[in-house]
């Protein structure tokens, strides 16, 4: 699959229109738990102030990070997503391909891909680009292949889930070490949205959402 013939489901105006609504309704608990885990992962990036979020979407997480005092830039390939994020304001936005970021090497202290990596046509290339533009490391947030939620979404038939590549924590860790080996990465992961303990993150590989910090040692 190439970027040229890849059909981006996030270009669908209906999906864009309902994106923030999900966080305010059915996804409210997930949003709280995911933010808590992302905050903890970011605390392990040394002196992180300038952040890039790849796959910024409507800017949901980027606006939250900006309100917490970070200097945030968001990129997304979807014109409708960027337009909605711009309408909501709060962060600097660039329409760009995750595989060809328009930034110099080491521009940012850290890069985030929150529910983005699993939807990209070439996740390996996106990780390489993310590593190029950051000095300290990457924070990943992906849906856990081992959780029933992933199975249900795959069976839903919706285009956005049909293109998704879900990972287990160990598969995600393997991918990071394989693609980013030149950076001698140190990986730390937790999952959250565990059954009955949605607000808690732990080393159990069973939560619906995986958060991983990839810290560069050189």
C-alpha atoms as a PDB file:
ATOM      1  CA  UNK A   1       0.000   0.000   0.000  1.00  0.00           C
ATOM      2  CA  UNK A   2       1.312   3.459  -0.870  1.00  0.00           C
ATOM      3  CA  UNK A   3       0.226   6.841   0.390  1.00  0.00           C
ATOM      4  CA  UNK A   4      -0.906   7.684  -3.145  1.00  0.00           C
ATOM      5  CA  UNK A   5      -3.546   4.936  -3.311  1.00  0.00           C
ATOM      6  CA  UNK A   6      -4.358   4.792   0.393  1.00  0.00           C
ATOM      7  CA  UNK A   7      -7.913   5.850   1.187  1.00  0.00           C
ATOM      8  CA  UNK A   8      -7.853   7.773   4.454  1.00  0.00           C
ATOM      9  CA  UNK A   9     -11.072   7.072   6.425  1.00  0.00           C
ATOM     10  CA  UNK A  10     -10.379  10.165   8.519  1.00  0.00           C
ATOM     11  CA  UNK A  11     -11.236  12.292   5.482  1.00  0.00           C
ATOM     12  CA  UNK A  12     -14.891  11.360   6.059  1.00  0.00           C
ATOM     13  CA  UNK A  13     -16.715  14.527   7.240  1.00  0.00           C
ATOM     14  CA  UNK A  14     -19.242  12.468   9.233  1.00  0.00           C
ATOM     15  CA  UNK A  15     -16.469  10.795  11.224  1.00  0.00           C
ATOM     16  CA  UNK A  16     -14.829  14.161  11.865  1.00  0.00           C
ATOM     17  CA  UNK A  17     -18.108  15.721  12.983  1.00  0.00           C
ATOM     18  CA  UNK A  18     -18.684  13.062  15.647  1.00  0.00           C
ATOM     19  CA  UNK A  19     -15.099  12.693  16.831  1.00  0.00           C
ATOM     20  CA  UNK A  20     -15.156  15.065  19.808  1.00  0.00           C
ATOM     21  CA  UNK A  21     -18.687  14.016  20.734  1.00  0.00           C
ATOM     22  CA  UNK A  22     -17.436  10.500  21.519  1.00  0.00           C
ATOM     23  CA  UNK A  23     -14.993  11.866  24.113  1.00  0.00           C
ATOM     24  CA  UNK A  24     -17.817  13.808  25.739  1.00  0.00           C
ATOM     25  CA  UNK A  25     -20.231  10.850  25.908  1.00  0.00           C
ATOM     26  CA  UNK A  26     -19.395   7.134  25.545  1.00  0.00           C
ATOM     27  CA  UNK A  27     -15.646   7.762  25.564  1.00  0.00           C
ATOM     28  CA  UNK A  28     -15.481   9.985  28.630  1.00  0.00           C
ATOM     29  CA  UNK A  29     -14.136   7.263  30.934  1.00  0.00           C
ATOM     30  CA  UNK A  30     -11.603   6.190  28.320  1.00  0.00           C
ATOM     31  CA  UNK A  31     -10.460   9.779  27.887  1.00  0.00           C
ATOM     32  CA  UNK A  32      -9.809  10.200  31.610  1.00  0.00           C
ATOM     33  CA  UNK A  33      -7.853   6.945  31.845  1.00  0.00           C
ATOM     34  CA  UNK A  34      -5.824   7.565  28.686  1.00  0.00           C
ATOM     35  CA  UNK A  35      -4.851  11.084  29.747  1.00  0.00           C
ATOM     36  CA  UNK A  36      -3.729   9.804  33.125  1.00  0.00           C
ATOM     37  CA  UNK A  37      -1.453   7.248  31.487  1.00  0.00           C
ATOM     38  CA  UNK A  38      -0.101   9.695  28.885  1.00  0.00           C
ATOM     39  CA  UNK A  39       0.713  12.198  31.635  1.00  0.00           C
ATOM     40  CA  UNK A  40       2.712   9.524  33.484  1.00  0.00           C
ATOM     41  CA  UNK A  41       4.590   8.504  30.335  1.00  0.00           C
ATOM     42  CA  UNK A  42       5.493  12.096  29.511  1.00  0.00           C
ATOM     43  CA  UNK A  43       6.904  12.573  33.013  1.00  0.00           C
ATOM     44  CA  UNK A  44       9.695  10.191  31.992  1.00  0.00           C
ATOM     45  CA  UNK A  45      10.851  12.359  29.066  1.00  0.00           C
ATOM     46  CA  UNK A  46      13.607  14.662  30.349  1.00  0.00           C
ATOM     47  CA  UNK A  47      12.795  18.365  30.226  1.00  0.00           C
ATOM     48  CA  UNK A  48      10.087  17.891  27.601  1.00  0.00           C
ATOM     49  CA  UNK A  49       8.563  21.233  26.659  1.00  0.00           C
ATOM     50  CA  UNK A  50       8.256  21.210  22.857  1.00  0.00           C
ATOM     51  CA  UNK A  51       6.005  18.372  21.701  1.00  0.00           C
ATOM     52  CA  UNK A  52       4.774  17.165  18.334  1.00  0.00           C
ATOM     53  CA  UNK A  53       1.601  15.118  18.035  1.00  0.00           C
ATOM     54  CA  UNK A  54       1.437  13.078  14.829  1.00  0.00           C
ATOM     55  CA  UNK A  55      -2.123  12.251  13.822  1.00  0.00           C
ATOM     56  CA  UNK A  56      -3.462  15.152  15.833  1.00  0.00           C
ATOM     57  CA  UNK A  57      -6.999  14.680  14.498  1.00  0.00           C
ATOM     58  CA  UNK A  58      -9.352  17.293  15.893  1.00  0.00           C
ATOM     59  CA  UNK A  59      -6.675  18.358  18.383  1.00  0.00           C
ATOM     60  CA  UNK A  60      -8.279  16.684  21.388  1.00  0.00           C
ATOM     61  CA  UNK A  61      -5.071  15.592  23.143  1.00  0.00           C
ATOM     62  CA  UNK A  62      -2.969  18.449  21.765  1.00  0.00           C
ATOM     63  CA  UNK A  63      -5.255  21.068  23.321  1.00  0.00           C
ATOM     64  CA  UNK A  64      -5.102  19.256  26.642  1.00  0.00           C
ATOM     65  CA  UNK A  65      -1.296  19.153  26.526  1.00  0.00           C
ATOM     66  CA  UNK A  66      -1.143  22.834  25.602  1.00  0.00           C
ATOM     67  CA  UNK A  67      -3.377  23.673  28.565  1.00  0.00           C
ATOM     68  CA  UNK A  68      -0.898  21.779  30.772  1.00  0.00           C
ATOM     69  CA  UNK A  69       1.900  24.111  29.684  1.00  0.00           C
ATOM     70  CA  UNK A  70       3.540  22.261  26.796  1.00  0.00           C
ATOM     71  CA  UNK A  71       4.368  23.932  23.487  1.00  0.00           C
ATOM     72  CA  UNK A  72       2.484  21.674  21.095  1.00  0.00           C
ATOM     73  CA  UNK A  73       2.516  21.321  17.320  1.00  0.00           C
ATOM     74  CA  UNK A  74       0.022  19.001  15.665  1.00  0.00           C
ATOM     75  CA  UNK A  75       0.238  17.360  12.249  1.00  0.00           C
ATOM     76  CA  UNK A  76      -2.328  15.353  10.327  1.00  0.00           C
ATOM     77  CA  UNK A  77      -2.781  14.326   6.703  1.00  0.00           C
ATOM     78  CA  UNK A  78      -6.566  14.688   6.820  1.00  0.00           C
ATOM     79  CA  UNK A  79      -7.714  18.117   5.633  1.00  0.00           C
ATOM     80  CA  UNK A  80     -11.115  17.817   7.391  1.00  0.00           C
ATOM     81  CA  UNK A  81      -9.425  16.869  10.679  1.00  0.00           C
ATOM     82  CA  UNK A  82      -6.980  19.773  10.454  1.00  0.00           C
ATOM     83  CA  UNK A  83      -9.853  22.140   9.619  1.00  0.00           C
ATOM     84  CA  UNK A  84     -11.796  21.002  12.697  1.00  0.00           C
ATOM     85  CA  UNK A  85      -8.723  21.253  14.922  1.00  0.00           C
ATOM     86  CA  UNK A  86      -8.075  24.749  13.587  1.00  0.00           C
ATOM     87  CA  UNK A  87     -11.661  25.744  14.284  1.00  0.00           C
ATOM     88  CA  UNK A  88     -11.275  24.625  17.880  1.00  0.00           C
ATOM     89  CA  UNK A  89      -7.907  26.408  18.226  1.00  0.00           C
ATOM     90  CA  UNK A  90      -5.287  26.096  20.935  1.00  0.00           C
ATOM     91  CA  UNK A  91      -2.299  24.617  19.071  1.00  0.00           C
ATOM     92  CA  UNK A  92      -0.146  25.230  16.015  1.00  0.00           C
ATOM     93  CA  UNK A  93      -1.205  22.910  13.189  1.00  0.00           C
ATOM     94  CA  UNK A  94       0.424  21.657   9.996  1.00  0.00           C
ATOM     95  CA  UNK A  95      -1.097  19.424   7.353  1.00  0.00           C
ATOM     96  CA  UNK A  96       1.626  16.854   6.667  1.00  0.00           C
ATOM     97  CA  UNK A  97       2.351  13.212   5.973  1.00  0.00           C
ATOM     98  CA  UNK A  98       3.667  11.242   8.964  1.00  0.00           C
ATOM     99  CA  UNK A  99       6.260   9.693   6.646  1.00  0.00           C
ATOM    100  CA  UNK A 100       7.652  13.053   5.475  1.00  0.00           C
ATOM    101  CA  UNK A 101       7.502  15.549   8.325  1.00  0.00           C
ATOM    102  CA  UNK A 102       8.363  19.161   7.373  1.00  0.00           C
ATOM    103  CA  UNK A 103      10.657  19.693  10.372  1.00  0.00           C
ATOM    104  CA  UNK A 104      14.407  19.644  10.910  1.00  0.00           C
ATOM    105  CA  UNK A 105      16.169  16.952  12.916  1.00  0.00           C
ATOM    106  CA  UNK A 106      15.754  17.221  16.708  1.00  0.00           C
ATOM    107  CA  UNK A 107      13.176  19.999  16.500  1.00  0.00           C
ATOM    108  CA  UNK A 108      11.081  18.632  19.389  1.00  0.00           C
ATOM    109  CA  UNK A 109      11.739  17.247  22.856  1.00  0.00           C
ATOM    110  CA  UNK A 110       9.193  14.489  22.340  1.00  0.00           C
ATOM    111  CA  UNK A 111       6.733  13.123  19.796  1.00  0.00           C
ATOM    112  CA  UNK A 112       3.353  11.536  20.490  1.00  0.00           C
ATOM    113  CA  UNK A 113       1.254   9.217  18.364  1.00  0.00           C
ATOM    114  CA  UNK A 114      -2.021   8.658  20.211  1.00  0.00           C
ATOM    115  CA  UNK A 115      -4.350   6.176  18.471  1.00  0.00           C
ATOM    116  CA  UNK A 116      -2.535   7.068  15.266  1.00  0.00           C
ATOM    117  CA  UNK A 117       0.169   4.470  14.584  1.00  0.00           C
ATOM    118  CA  UNK A 118      -2.328   1.666  14.008  1.00  0.00           C
ATOM    119  CA  UNK A 119      -4.050   3.618  11.215  1.00  0.00           C
ATOM    120  CA  UNK A 120      -0.966   4.622   9.210  1.00  0.00           C
ATOM    121  CA  UNK A 121      -0.146   2.763   5.973  1.00  0.00           C
ATOM    122  CA  UNK A 122       3.551   2.426   6.873  1.00  0.00           C
ATOM    123  CA  UNK A 123       3.985   2.534  10.673  1.00  0.00           C
ATOM    124  CA  UNK A 124       7.702   1.721  10.466  1.00  0.00           C
ATOM    125  CA  UNK A 125       8.409   4.781   8.324  1.00  0.00           C
ATOM    126  CA  UNK A 126       6.300   6.962  10.589  1.00  0.00           C
ATOM    127  CA  UNK A 127       8.307   5.841  13.620  1.00  0.00           C
ATOM    128  CA  UNK A 128      11.561   6.577  11.824  1.00  0.00           C
ATOM    129  CA  UNK A 129      10.366  10.079  10.993  1.00  0.00           C
ATOM    130  CA  UNK A 130       9.154  10.613  14.545  1.00  0.00           C
ATOM    131  CA  UNK A 131      12.589   9.609  15.837  1.00  0.00           C
ATOM    132  CA  UNK A 132      14.311  11.961  13.405  1.00  0.00           C
ATOM    133  CA  UNK A 133      12.533  15.080  14.648  1.00  0.00           C
ATOM    134  CA  UNK A 134      12.780  14.408  18.394  1.00  0.00           C
ATOM    135  CA  UNK A 135      15.673  14.625  20.810  1.00  0.00           C
ATOM    136  CA  UNK A 136      14.483  12.472  23.685  1.00  0.00           C
ATOM    137  CA  UNK A 137      11.813   9.978  22.724  1.00  0.00           C
ATOM    138  CA  UNK A 138       8.347   9.000  21.622  1.00  0.00           C
ATOM    139  CA  UNK A 139       5.095   8.305  23.455  1.00  0.00           C
ATOM    140  CA  UNK A 140       2.750   5.831  21.778  1.00  0.00           C
ATOM    141  CA  UNK A 141      -0.886   5.172  22.573  1.00  0.00           C
ATOM    142  CA  UNK A 142      -2.493   2.284  20.696  1.00  0.00           C
ATOM    143  CA  UNK A 143      -5.450  -0.054  21.002  1.00  0.00           C
ATOM    144  CA  UNK A 144      -4.623  -3.465  22.432  1.00  0.00           C
ATOM    145  CA  UNK A 145      -5.104  -6.372  20.029  1.00  0.00           C
ATOM    146  CA  UNK A 146      -5.688  -8.693  22.979  1.00  0.00           C
ATOM    147  CA  UNK A 147      -8.705  -6.800  24.286  1.00  0.00           C
ATOM    148  CA  UNK A 148     -12.255  -7.730  23.158  1.00  0.00           C
ATOM    149  CA  UNK A 149     -12.837  -4.119  22.126  1.00  0.00           C
ATOM    150  CA  UNK A 150     -10.359  -4.564  19.263  1.00  0.00           C
ATOM    151  CA  UNK A 151     -12.157  -7.687  18.061  1.00  0.00           C
ATOM    152  CA  UNK A 152     -15.551  -5.951  18.173  1.00  0.00           C
ATOM    153  CA  UNK A 153     -14.289  -2.976  16.214  1.00  0.00           C
ATOM    154  CA  UNK A 154     -12.751  -5.176  13.540  1.00  0.00           C
ATOM    155  CA  UNK A 155     -16.078  -6.986  13.163  1.00  0.00           C
ATOM    156  CA  UNK A 156     -18.037  -3.720  12.975  1.00  0.00           C
ATOM    157  CA  UNK A 157     -17.348  -3.392   9.243  1.00  0.00           C
ATOM    158  CA  UNK A 158     -16.645   0.346   9.535  1.00  0.00           C
ATOM    159  CA  UNK A 159     -13.863   1.471   7.165  1.00  0.00           C
ATOM    160  CA  UNK A 160     -11.886   3.187   9.915  1.00  0.00           C
ATOM    161  CA  UNK A 161     -11.455  -0.129  11.763  1.00  0.00           C
ATOM    162  CA  UNK A 162     -10.838  -2.242   8.674  1.00  0.00           C
ATOM    163  CA  UNK A 163      -7.519  -0.517   7.955  1.00  0.00           C
ATOM    164  CA  UNK A 164      -6.335  -0.621  11.578  1.00  0.00           C
ATOM    165  CA  UNK A 165      -3.371  -2.743  12.644  1.00  0.00           C
ATOM    166  CA  UNK A 166      -3.847  -3.510  16.318  1.00  0.00           C
ATOM    167  CA  UNK A 167      -0.855  -4.481  18.470  1.00  0.00           C
ATOM    168  CA  UNK A 168      -0.315  -6.351  21.701  1.00  0.00           C
ATOM    169  CA  UNK A 169       2.084  -4.681  24.180  1.00  0.00           C
ATOM    170  CA  UNK A 170       4.821  -7.122  23.229  1.00  0.00           C
ATOM    171  CA  UNK A 171       4.308  -6.635  19.486  1.00  0.00           C
ATOM    172  CA  UNK A 172       4.469  -2.874  19.931  1.00  0.00           C
ATOM    173  CA  UNK A 173       7.647  -3.186  21.997  1.00  0.00           C
ATOM    174  CA  UNK A 174       9.209  -5.443  19.350  1.00  0.00           C
ATOM    175  CA  UNK A 175       8.324  -2.941  16.610  1.00  0.00           C
ATOM    176  CA  UNK A 176       9.898  -0.058  18.521  1.00  0.00           C
ATOM    177  CA  UNK A 177      13.145  -1.941  19.161  1.00  0.00           C
ATOM    178  CA  UNK A 178      13.334  -3.160  15.575  1.00  0.00           C
ATOM    179  CA  UNK A 179      12.671   0.173  13.872  1.00  0.00           C
ATOM    180  CA  UNK A 180      14.519   2.406  16.345  1.00  0.00           C
ATOM    181  CA  UNK A 181      17.506   0.184  17.112  1.00  0.00           C
ATOM    182  CA  UNK A 182      20.026   2.919  16.226  1.00  0.00           C
ATOM    183  CA  UNK A 183      18.689   4.991  19.125  1.00  0.00           C
ATOM    184  CA  UNK A 184      19.178   2.194  21.697  1.00  0.00           C
ATOM    185  CA  UNK A 185      15.567   2.622  22.838  1.00  0.00           C
ATOM    186  CA  UNK A 186      14.423   1.949  26.359  1.00  0.00           C
ATOM    187  CA  UNK A 187      10.741   1.026  26.368  1.00  0.00           C
ATOM    188  CA  UNK A 188       8.274   1.276  29.228  1.00  0.00           C
ATOM    189  CA  UNK A 189       4.635   0.334  28.781  1.00  0.00           C
ATOM    190  CA  UNK A 190       1.443   0.090  30.768  1.00  0.00           C
ATOM    191  CA  UNK A 191      -2.156  -0.672  29.821  1.00  0.00           C
ATOM    192  CA  UNK A 192      -5.304   0.975  31.075  1.00  0.00           C
ATOM    193  CA  UNK A 193      -9.062   0.474  30.724  1.00  0.00           C
ATOM    194  CA  UNK A 194      -8.844  -2.907  32.400  1.00  0.00           C
ATOM    195  CA  UNK A 195     -12.169  -4.655  33.044  1.00  0.00           C
ATOM    196  CA  UNK A 196     -13.547  -3.315  36.319  1.00  0.00           C
ATOM    197  CA  UNK A 197     -10.523  -1.023  36.778  1.00  0.00           C
ATOM    198  CA  UNK A 198     -10.855   1.420  33.883  1.00  0.00           C
ATOM    199  CA  UNK A 199      -9.071   4.268  35.726  1.00  0.00           C
ATOM    200  CA  UNK A 200      -6.024   2.154  36.681  1.00  0.00           C
ATOM    201  CA  UNK A 201      -2.902   1.505  34.606  1.00  0.00           C
ATOM    202  CA  UNK A 202      -0.694  -1.499  35.198  1.00  0.00           C
ATOM    203  CA  UNK A 203       1.837  -3.914  33.695  1.00  0.00           C
ATOM    204  CA  UNK A 204      -0.934  -6.403  32.981  1.00  0.00           C
ATOM    205  CA  UNK A 205      -1.111  -6.729  29.167  1.00  0.00           C
ATOM    206  CA  UNK A 206      -4.913  -6.843  29.190  1.00  0.00           C
ATOM    207  CA  UNK A 207      -6.167  -3.254  29.174  1.00  0.00           C
ATOM    208  CA  UNK A 208      -7.867  -1.905  26.078  1.00  0.00           C
ATOM    209  CA  UNK A 209      -5.336   0.932  25.664  1.00  0.00           C
ATOM    210  CA  UNK A 210      -1.557   0.536  25.582  1.00  0.00           C
ATOM    211  CA  UNK A 211       0.681   3.451  26.479  1.00  0.00           C
ATOM    212  CA  UNK A 212       4.389   3.130  25.722  1.00  0.00           C
ATOM    213  CA  UNK A 213       7.322   5.471  26.297  1.00  0.00           C
ATOM    214  CA  UNK A 214      10.296   4.958  23.979  1.00  0.00           C
ATOM    215  CA  UNK A 215      13.249   6.770  25.523  1.00  0.00           C
ATOM    216  CA  UNK A 216      16.389   7.322  23.455  1.00  0.00           C
ATOM    217  CA  UNK A 217      19.721   6.716  25.165  1.00  0.00           C
ATOM    218  CA  UNK A 218      21.714   8.501  22.484  1.00  0.00           C
END
